[in-house]
Each structure stands twice: as C-alpha cells, then as structure tokens.
C-alpha cells in the first residue's frame, strides 16, 4: 500500500513539511524493502530521508543523496525522471515544480514495484 501523499504540502508550512518528510522517507524505505524481497534480491542503500524539506542547512546535501537514490531506482526500474537536485527548494516555483515531478516519479516507482 502506498505510504505517501507527495503533493499534499505547501511552501513554508512547517508541520506539513515535517509530515511530507516522514511519509516520503518511509516510502523510500518501502521501495528498498520491496526490492530486497525480490528474487534475486536487489539491494540499494537505505538513505535517511526522514528529514529533507525540514533539514535546514543540510537540505542541499540530502537533496543530492535523494537524487542518487532516484538515479538508482530509475536504473533498476527503467524509469527516467527529472534531476531533482536541480531545483532550488527555497523558491516557491521550484518547490512546486519539484513536488509535481517528484509525485509523478514516485507513482511510476510504485507502479513498477506493484505497490498499490
């Protein structure tokens, strides 16, 4: 079952950003668990994304490791996505564009992994 509502947060909504971070981080953990349960197992690093949008000065570093995670998932599942590390999440337009493209990519990953 999907654990994530990727488009249900607004720019600079502290509690909403924290909820997004938690749900997003847990969905990435679910992706890693589903892949590890396949035969043969596909092992990917389990990055800690429980803080991302709320990470303050560490946000950029997490954004880059998040992109690495999506690059790995894309390669394994044959999904091509935008470069999420290219967005400046401190700008509202970039923030909402990131959310939209990211939501689409997560939906594609869930579909590829059979998470419904």
N, C-alpha and C. Protein backbone atom coordinates (compact mmCIF):
# COMPACT_ATOMS: atom_id res chain seq x y z
N UNK A 1 0.83 -1.18 0.00
CA UNK A 1 0.00 0.00 0.00
C UNK A 1 0.88 1.24 0.00
N UNK A 2 0.57 2.23 -0.82
CA UNK A 2 1.36 3.47 -0.83
C UNK A 2 1.34 4.13 0.55
N UNK A 3 2.46 4.71 0.91
CA UNK A 3 2.59 5.36 2.21
C UNK A 3 2.74 6.87 2.08
N UNK A 4 2.51 7.43 0.91
CA UNK A 4 2.97 8.77 0.63
C UNK A 4 1.93 9.57 -0.13
N UNK A 5 1.72 10.80 0.28
CA UNK A 5 0.87 11.74 -0.45
C UNK A 5 1.76 12.90 -0.89
N UNK A 6 2.48 12.72 -1.99
CA UNK A 6 3.58 13.63 -2.32
C UNK A 6 3.19 15.05 -2.67
N UNK A 7 1.95 15.31 -2.96
CA UNK A 7 1.60 16.67 -3.37
C UNK A 7 0.78 17.40 -2.32
N UNK A 8 0.71 16.86 -1.12
CA UNK A 8 -0.12 17.47 -0.09
C UNK A 8 0.71 18.22 0.93
N UNK A 9 1.37 19.27 0.45
CA UNK A 9 2.16 20.15 1.31
C UNK A 9 2.27 21.49 0.60
N UNK A 10 2.36 22.54 1.37
CA UNK A 10 2.52 23.86 0.79
C UNK A 10 3.84 24.47 1.23
N UNK A 11 4.32 25.38 0.43
CA UNK A 11 5.60 26.05 0.66
C UNK A 11 5.59 26.72 2.04
N UNK A 12 6.62 26.49 2.82
CA UNK A 12 6.82 27.10 4.14
C UNK A 12 5.76 26.72 5.18
N UNK A 13 5.11 25.59 5.02
CA UNK A 13 4.18 25.08 6.03
C UNK A 13 4.96 24.09 6.89
N UNK A 14 5.51 24.57 8.00
CA UNK A 14 6.38 23.75 8.84
C UNK A 14 5.83 22.39 9.19
N UNK A 15 4.65 22.30 9.81
CA UNK A 15 4.10 20.98 10.14
C UNK A 15 3.86 20.12 8.90
N UNK A 16 3.38 20.73 7.83
CA UNK A 16 3.14 19.98 6.59
C UNK A 16 4.43 19.45 6.00
N UNK A 17 5.49 20.26 6.05
CA UNK A 17 6.78 19.82 5.53
C UNK A 17 7.30 18.64 6.35
N UNK A 18 7.11 18.69 7.67
CA UNK A 18 7.54 17.58 8.52
C UNK A 18 6.77 16.31 8.20
N UNK A 19 5.47 16.43 7.98
CA UNK A 19 4.67 15.26 7.62
C UNK A 19 5.11 14.71 6.27
N UNK A 20 5.36 15.61 5.31
CA UNK A 20 5.83 15.20 3.98
C UNK A 20 7.14 14.44 4.14
N UNK A 21 8.07 15.01 4.92
CA UNK A 21 9.37 14.35 5.13
C UNK A 21 9.19 12.94 5.67
N UNK A 22 8.36 12.80 6.69
CA UNK A 22 8.16 11.49 7.31
C UNK A 22 7.59 10.50 6.30
N UNK A 23 6.52 10.87 5.61
CA UNK A 23 5.89 9.98 4.65
C UNK A 23 6.81 9.66 3.48
N UNK A 24 7.52 10.66 3.00
CA UNK A 24 8.44 10.47 1.88
C UNK A 24 9.58 9.52 2.28
N UNK A 25 10.15 9.76 3.45
CA UNK A 25 11.24 8.90 3.92
C UNK A 25 10.79 7.46 4.07
N UNK A 26 9.59 7.27 4.60
CA UNK A 26 9.06 5.93 4.78
C UNK A 26 8.78 5.25 3.44
N UNK A 27 8.34 6.02 2.45
CA UNK A 27 8.10 5.40 1.15
C UNK A 27 9.42 4.96 0.51
N UNK A 28 10.48 5.75 0.66
CA UNK A 28 11.78 5.31 0.15
C UNK A 28 12.24 4.04 0.86
N UNK A 29 11.97 3.93 2.16
CA UNK A 29 12.29 2.69 2.88
C UNK A 29 11.48 1.53 2.31
N UNK A 30 10.22 1.77 1.99
CA UNK A 30 9.37 0.73 1.41
C UNK A 30 9.92 0.30 0.05
N UNK A 31 10.38 1.23 -0.76
CA UNK A 31 10.96 0.87 -2.05
C UNK A 31 12.14 -0.08 -1.84
N UNK A 32 13.03 0.26 -0.90
CA UNK A 32 14.20 -0.58 -0.63
C UNK A 32 13.78 -1.96 -0.13
N UNK A 33 12.75 -2.02 0.71
CA UNK A 33 12.28 -3.30 1.26
C UNK A 33 11.66 -4.18 0.17
N UNK A 34 10.88 -3.58 -0.71
CA UNK A 34 10.26 -4.36 -1.79
C UNK A 34 11.35 -4.93 -2.70
N UNK A 35 12.33 -4.11 -3.04
CA UNK A 35 13.42 -4.59 -3.91
C UNK A 35 14.22 -5.69 -3.22
N UNK A 36 14.47 -5.54 -1.92
CA UNK A 36 15.23 -6.55 -1.18
C UNK A 36 14.46 -7.86 -1.09
N UNK A 37 13.14 -7.81 -1.17
CA UNK A 37 12.33 -9.01 -1.08
C UNK A 37 12.14 -9.74 -2.40
N UNK A 38 12.68 -9.19 -3.46
CA UNK A 38 12.57 -9.85 -4.76
C UNK A 38 13.55 -11.01 -4.85
N UNK A 39 13.31 -11.89 -5.81
CA UNK A 39 14.23 -13.00 -6.07
C UNK A 39 14.75 -12.86 -7.48
N UNK A 40 16.03 -12.62 -7.67
CA UNK A 40 17.03 -12.37 -6.63
C UNK A 40 16.83 -11.00 -5.99
N UNK A 41 17.31 -10.87 -4.78
CA UNK A 41 17.18 -9.61 -4.05
C UNK A 41 17.94 -8.50 -4.76
N UNK A 42 17.36 -7.33 -4.77
CA UNK A 42 18.01 -6.12 -5.31
C UNK A 42 18.24 -5.21 -4.11
N UNK A 43 19.51 -5.01 -3.77
CA UNK A 43 19.84 -4.22 -2.59
C UNK A 43 20.28 -2.82 -3.01
N UNK A 44 19.64 -1.83 -2.41
CA UNK A 44 20.04 -0.44 -2.63
C UNK A 44 20.30 0.18 -1.26
N UNK A 45 21.14 1.22 -1.21
CA UNK A 45 21.37 1.88 0.08
C UNK A 45 20.06 2.43 0.64
N UNK A 46 19.93 2.37 1.94
CA UNK A 46 18.76 2.92 2.61
C UNK A 46 19.14 4.28 3.16
N UNK A 47 18.91 5.30 2.35
CA UNK A 47 19.22 6.67 2.77
C UNK A 47 18.21 7.13 3.81
N UNK A 48 18.63 8.01 4.68
CA UNK A 48 17.74 8.58 5.68
C UNK A 48 17.14 9.87 5.14
N UNK A 49 15.89 9.78 4.69
CA UNK A 49 15.19 10.95 4.17
C UNK A 49 14.09 11.41 5.11
N UNK A 50 14.12 10.99 6.39
CA UNK A 50 13.08 11.41 7.32
C UNK A 50 13.15 12.91 7.61
N UNK A 51 14.27 13.51 7.31
CA UNK A 51 14.38 14.96 7.25
C UNK A 51 14.87 15.28 5.86
N UNK A 52 14.16 16.12 5.17
CA UNK A 52 14.55 16.53 3.83
C UNK A 52 14.16 17.99 3.68
N UNK A 53 12.88 18.24 3.51
CA UNK A 53 12.43 19.62 3.36
C UNK A 53 12.63 20.42 4.64
N UNK A 54 12.70 19.74 5.77
CA UNK A 54 12.88 20.41 7.07
C UNK A 54 14.34 20.36 7.56
N UNK A 55 15.26 19.99 6.70
CA UNK A 55 16.64 19.75 7.13
C UNK A 55 17.47 21.02 7.29
N UNK A 56 16.90 22.18 7.02
CA UNK A 56 17.65 23.42 7.19
C UNK A 56 18.88 23.46 6.30
N UNK A 57 20.03 23.73 6.89
CA UNK A 57 21.25 23.88 6.11
C UNK A 57 21.72 22.56 5.49
N UNK A 58 21.22 21.43 5.98
CA UNK A 58 21.59 20.13 5.42
C UNK A 58 20.71 19.74 4.24
N UNK A 59 19.71 20.56 3.91
CA UNK A 59 18.77 20.21 2.85
C UNK A 59 19.48 19.93 1.52
N UNK A 60 20.43 20.74 1.17
CA UNK A 60 21.11 20.58 -0.12
C UNK A 60 21.81 19.22 -0.20
N UNK A 61 22.49 18.84 0.87
CA UNK A 61 23.19 17.55 0.90
C UNK A 61 22.19 16.40 0.77
N UNK A 62 21.08 16.50 1.48
CA UNK A 62 20.06 15.45 1.41
C UNK A 62 19.43 15.43 0.02
N UNK A 63 19.25 16.61 -0.56
CA UNK A 63 18.69 16.68 -1.91
C UNK A 63 19.60 15.95 -2.91
N UNK A 64 20.89 16.05 -2.74
CA UNK A 64 21.83 15.37 -3.63
C UNK A 64 21.81 13.85 -3.40
N UNK A 65 21.75 13.39 -2.14
CA UNK A 65 21.68 11.95 -1.90
C UNK A 65 20.32 11.41 -2.35
N UNK A 66 19.30 12.22 -2.25
CA UNK A 66 17.97 11.84 -2.75
C UNK A 66 18.03 11.61 -4.26
N UNK A 67 18.75 12.46 -4.96
CA UNK A 67 18.90 12.29 -6.40
C UNK A 67 19.63 10.98 -6.72
N UNK A 68 20.66 10.67 -5.93
CA UNK A 68 21.37 9.40 -6.13
C UNK A 68 20.42 8.22 -5.96
N UNK A 69 19.56 8.31 -4.96
CA UNK A 69 18.58 7.25 -4.73
C UNK A 69 17.65 7.11 -5.93
N UNK A 70 17.16 8.23 -6.45
CA UNK A 70 16.27 8.17 -7.61
C UNK A 70 17.01 7.70 -8.86
N UNK A 71 18.27 8.05 -8.98
CA UNK A 71 19.06 7.54 -10.12
C UNK A 71 19.14 6.01 -10.06
N UNK A 72 19.40 5.46 -8.87
CA UNK A 72 19.47 4.01 -8.70
C UNK A 72 18.13 3.35 -8.98
N UNK A 73 17.07 3.91 -8.42
CA UNK A 73 15.74 3.35 -8.66
C UNK A 73 15.38 3.41 -10.14
N UNK A 74 15.70 4.53 -10.77
CA UNK A 74 15.41 4.67 -12.19
C UNK A 74 16.15 3.65 -13.03
N UNK A 75 17.42 3.43 -12.70
CA UNK A 75 18.22 2.46 -13.45
C UNK A 75 17.66 1.04 -13.27
N UNK A 76 17.30 0.69 -12.06
CA UNK A 76 16.78 -0.65 -11.77
C UNK A 76 15.42 -0.88 -12.43
N UNK A 77 14.57 0.15 -12.40
CA UNK A 77 13.18 0.00 -12.84
C UNK A 77 12.92 0.52 -14.25
N UNK A 78 13.94 1.12 -14.88
CA UNK A 78 13.77 1.65 -16.23
C UNK A 78 12.92 2.91 -16.27
N UNK A 79 13.04 3.73 -15.26
CA UNK A 79 12.27 4.98 -15.16
C UNK A 79 13.20 6.16 -15.34
N UNK A 80 12.83 7.06 -16.22
CA UNK A 80 13.60 8.29 -16.43
C UNK A 80 12.85 9.44 -15.79
N UNK A 81 13.55 10.23 -15.00
CA UNK A 81 12.91 11.35 -14.30
C UNK A 81 13.79 12.59 -14.41
N UNK A 82 13.23 13.69 -14.01
CA UNK A 82 13.97 14.94 -13.97
C UNK A 82 15.06 14.86 -12.89
N UNK A 83 16.02 15.75 -12.96
CA UNK A 83 17.07 15.81 -11.95
C UNK A 83 16.54 16.62 -10.77
N UNK A 84 16.14 15.94 -9.71
CA UNK A 84 15.54 16.60 -8.56
C UNK A 84 16.53 17.49 -7.81
N UNK A 85 17.82 17.25 -7.99
CA UNK A 85 18.81 18.08 -7.30
C UNK A 85 18.96 19.45 -7.95
N UNK A 86 18.37 19.64 -9.12
CA UNK A 86 18.50 20.92 -9.83
C UNK A 86 17.53 21.98 -9.31
N UNK A 87 16.58 21.61 -8.48
CA UNK A 87 15.59 22.56 -8.00
C UNK A 87 16.08 23.32 -6.77
N UNK A 88 15.81 24.61 -6.73
CA UNK A 88 16.11 25.43 -5.56
C UNK A 88 14.84 25.44 -4.70
N UNK A 89 14.80 24.61 -3.70
CA UNK A 89 13.59 24.41 -2.91
C UNK A 89 13.27 25.59 -1.99
N UNK A 90 14.13 26.61 -1.98
CA UNK A 90 13.83 27.83 -1.23
C UNK A 90 13.00 28.81 -2.05
N UNK A 91 12.77 28.48 -3.31
CA UNK A 91 11.95 29.31 -4.21
C UNK A 91 10.62 28.61 -4.45
N UNK A 92 9.50 29.32 -4.24
CA UNK A 92 8.19 28.67 -4.39
C UNK A 92 7.97 27.98 -5.74
N UNK A 93 8.34 28.60 -6.84
CA UNK A 93 8.11 27.98 -8.15
C UNK A 93 8.87 26.67 -8.28
N UNK A 94 10.15 26.67 -7.89
CA UNK A 94 10.94 25.45 -7.93
C UNK A 94 10.37 24.39 -6.99
N UNK A 95 9.95 24.83 -5.80
CA UNK A 95 9.38 23.93 -4.81
C UNK A 95 8.18 23.18 -5.39
N UNK A 96 7.24 23.91 -5.99
CA UNK A 96 6.04 23.27 -6.52
C UNK A 96 6.33 22.45 -7.77
N UNK A 97 7.28 22.88 -8.59
CA UNK A 97 7.67 22.07 -9.74
C UNK A 97 8.31 20.76 -9.27
N UNK A 98 9.18 20.85 -8.28
CA UNK A 98 9.78 19.65 -7.69
C UNK A 98 8.69 18.70 -7.21
N UNK A 99 7.73 19.22 -6.44
CA UNK A 99 6.66 18.37 -5.90
C UNK A 99 5.90 17.66 -7.01
N UNK A 100 5.58 18.39 -8.08
CA UNK A 100 4.81 17.80 -9.17
C UNK A 100 5.56 16.69 -9.88
N UNK A 101 6.79 16.98 -10.28
CA UNK A 101 7.58 15.96 -10.98
C UNK A 101 7.91 14.79 -10.06
N UNK A 102 8.19 15.09 -8.81
CA UNK A 102 8.53 14.06 -7.83
C UNK A 102 7.33 13.14 -7.59
N UNK A 103 6.13 13.71 -7.49
CA UNK A 103 4.93 12.91 -7.29
C UNK A 103 4.72 11.95 -8.45
N UNK A 104 4.94 12.43 -9.66
CA UNK A 104 4.80 11.58 -10.85
C UNK A 104 5.80 10.44 -10.82
N UNK A 105 7.03 10.75 -10.46
CA UNK A 105 8.07 9.72 -10.42
C UNK A 105 7.77 8.67 -9.35
N UNK A 106 7.34 9.10 -8.18
CA UNK A 106 7.01 8.14 -7.13
C UNK A 106 5.85 7.25 -7.56
N UNK A 107 4.88 7.81 -8.27
CA UNK A 107 3.77 7.00 -8.78
C UNK A 107 4.28 5.94 -9.76
N UNK A 108 5.23 6.32 -10.60
CA UNK A 108 5.82 5.37 -11.55
C UNK A 108 6.59 4.27 -10.81
N UNK A 109 7.31 4.63 -9.76
CA UNK A 109 8.06 3.65 -8.99
C UNK A 109 7.09 2.69 -8.30
N UNK A 110 6.03 3.23 -7.68
CA UNK A 110 5.05 2.37 -7.04
C UNK A 110 4.44 1.39 -8.04
N UNK A 111 4.12 1.88 -9.21
CA UNK A 111 3.54 1.02 -10.25
C UNK A 111 4.52 -0.07 -10.64
N UNK A 112 5.78 0.30 -10.86
CA UNK A 112 6.79 -0.68 -11.28
C UNK A 112 7.02 -1.75 -10.21
N UNK A 113 6.88 -1.36 -8.95
CA UNK A 113 7.11 -2.29 -7.84
C UNK A 113 5.84 -3.02 -7.41
N UNK A 114 4.72 -2.67 -8.00
CA UNK A 114 3.46 -3.32 -7.66
C UNK A 114 2.88 -2.87 -6.32
N UNK A 115 3.23 -1.65 -5.92
CA UNK A 115 2.71 -1.09 -4.68
C UNK A 115 1.43 -0.32 -5.03
N UNK A 116 0.29 -0.86 -4.63
CA UNK A 116 -0.98 -0.23 -4.97
C UNK A 116 -1.82 0.07 -3.74
